[in-house]
Structure formats: C-alpha cells, structure tokens
Amino acid sequence: MDIIKVSANSRTSAVAGAIAGVIREHKRAEVQAIGAGAVNQAVKAWVLATGYLKAEGLEVVCVPEFVEVQIEDKVRTAVKLVVEPR
C-alpha cells in the first residue's frame, strides 16, 4: 500500500477520494504531509473522506503521528495520518 502524499496545493476532494478508495480496498490508509498548508489540506481531506465512507456504512478514525522522511539528503519531519475503520 502506498502512502498518499499531500501538498499545500493538493485538491481536497481528490485526496479525499484517494483516502476513501484506499480504505475500501486495503482497510487502512496512510496520508503524509509536510508543512502547515499540507497538513491543513490532509485534515480537510480526511474529514471529507469520512463523509464519503459514512454514506457506505463505514466509520473511520484517524491517528496522527510524526515521522521523519528524507528528501534530497535532508531529514524532514512530516505528519502521518493513519486512517482505519473504527
């Protein structure tokens, strides 16, 4: 399962659709964002995805955590949202 990477310019509805699709297929999604704008988009997408999935009878929860990622030989701190069924 791939990590859904979100930027500050990501379309919220597209990310929400990706989260919902991964949940339907794998029962677990991981969303990664670096920076305030990206985290904002990721959280809004998670909220939108909960609505998509609730209409199908699936209730999901989100557990946020910090992770370190390496980008171009630099270590950065990202926020990872783990989305799973309740």
Protein backbone atom coordinates (compact mmCIF):
# COMPACT_ATOMS: atom_id res chain seq x y z
CA MET A 1 0.00 0.00 0.00
CA ASP A 2 1.39 3.39 -1.00
CA ILE A 3 1.42 6.46 1.19
CA ILE A 4 -0.88 9.27 0.00
CA LYS A 5 1.32 12.36 -0.13
CA VAL A 6 -0.38 15.73 0.26
CA SER A 7 0.96 19.19 -0.53
CA ALA A 8 -0.44 22.62 0.26
CA ASN A 9 -1.69 22.75 -3.36
CA SER A 10 -3.44 19.36 -3.32
CA ARG A 11 -7.14 19.38 -4.16
CA THR A 12 -9.02 18.33 -1.04
CA SER A 13 -11.68 16.36 -2.93
CA ALA A 14 -9.06 14.41 -4.90
CA VAL A 15 -7.18 13.46 -1.73
CA ALA A 16 -10.46 12.53 -0.01
CA GLY A 17 -11.35 10.27 -2.92
CA ALA A 18 -7.92 8.64 -2.72
CA ILE A 19 -8.30 8.07 1.04
CA ALA A 20 -11.77 6.55 0.59
CA GLY A 21 -10.57 4.34 -2.26
CA VAL A 22 -7.61 3.01 -0.30
CA ILE A 23 -9.82 2.36 2.74
CA ARG A 24 -12.28 0.40 0.59
CA GLU A 25 -9.50 -1.68 -0.94
CA HIS A 26 -6.97 -2.11 1.89
CA LYS A 27 -8.98 -1.19 5.05
CA ARG A 28 -6.18 1.23 6.05
CA ALA A 29 -4.73 4.41 4.54
CA GLU A 30 -1.65 6.45 5.38
CA VAL A 31 -1.57 10.13 4.48
CA GLN A 32 1.66 12.12 4.74
CA ALA A 33 2.04 15.91 4.79
CA ILE A 34 4.95 18.28 5.40
CA GLY A 35 4.20 21.86 6.42
CA ALA A 36 1.19 23.68 7.78
CA GLY A 37 -0.60 24.12 4.45
CA ALA A 38 -0.19 20.46 3.53
CA VAL A 39 -1.38 19.29 6.95
CA ASN A 40 -4.41 21.57 6.61
CA GLN A 41 -5.30 20.02 3.23
CA ALA A 42 -4.76 16.49 4.59
CA VAL A 43 -7.05 17.03 7.58
CA LYS A 44 -9.77 18.61 5.42
CA ALA A 45 -9.49 15.64 3.02
CA TRP A 46 -9.79 13.18 5.91
CA VAL A 47 -12.97 14.91 7.12
CA LEU A 48 -14.42 14.81 3.61
CA ALA A 49 -13.46 11.13 3.21
CA THR A 50 -15.27 10.26 6.46
CA GLY A 51 -18.44 11.62 4.88
CA TYR A 52 -17.93 9.56 1.71
CA LEU A 53 -17.37 6.39 3.72
CA LYS A 54 -20.12 7.04 6.27
CA ALA A 55 -22.64 7.08 3.42
CA GLU A 56 -21.49 3.49 2.71
CA GLY A 57 -21.78 2.42 6.35
CA LEU A 58 -18.04 2.64 7.10
CA GLU A 59 -16.92 4.68 10.09
CA VAL A 60 -13.22 5.62 10.20
CA VAL A 61 -10.89 7.18 12.73
CA CYS A 62 -7.61 9.00 12.28
CA VAL A 63 -4.46 8.60 14.38
CA PRO A 64 -1.86 11.32 13.71
CA GLU A 65 1.84 10.79 14.30
CA PHE A 66 5.16 12.41 13.44
CA VAL A 67 7.55 10.65 11.08
CA GLU A 68 10.95 11.59 9.72
CA VAL A 69 11.36 11.44 5.95
CA GLN A 70 14.41 12.00 3.81
CA ILE A 71 14.04 14.41 0.90
CA GLU A 72 17.09 15.27 -1.19
CA ASP A 73 19.55 14.23 1.55
CA LYS A 74 17.68 16.27 4.18
CA VAL A 75 15.68 14.78 7.03
CA ARG A 76 12.29 16.46 7.43
CA THR A 77 9.51 15.93 9.94
CA ALA A 78 6.16 15.01 8.42
CA VAL A 79 2.73 14.41 9.89
CA LYS A 80 1.34 10.98 9.05
CA LEU A 81 -2.39 10.39 9.40
CA VAL A 82 -3.28 6.72 9.78
CA VAL A 83 -6.91 6.24 8.78
CA GLU A 84 -8.60 2.98 9.79
CA PRO A 85 -12.12 1.65 10.36
CA ARG A 86 -13.44 2.14 13.89
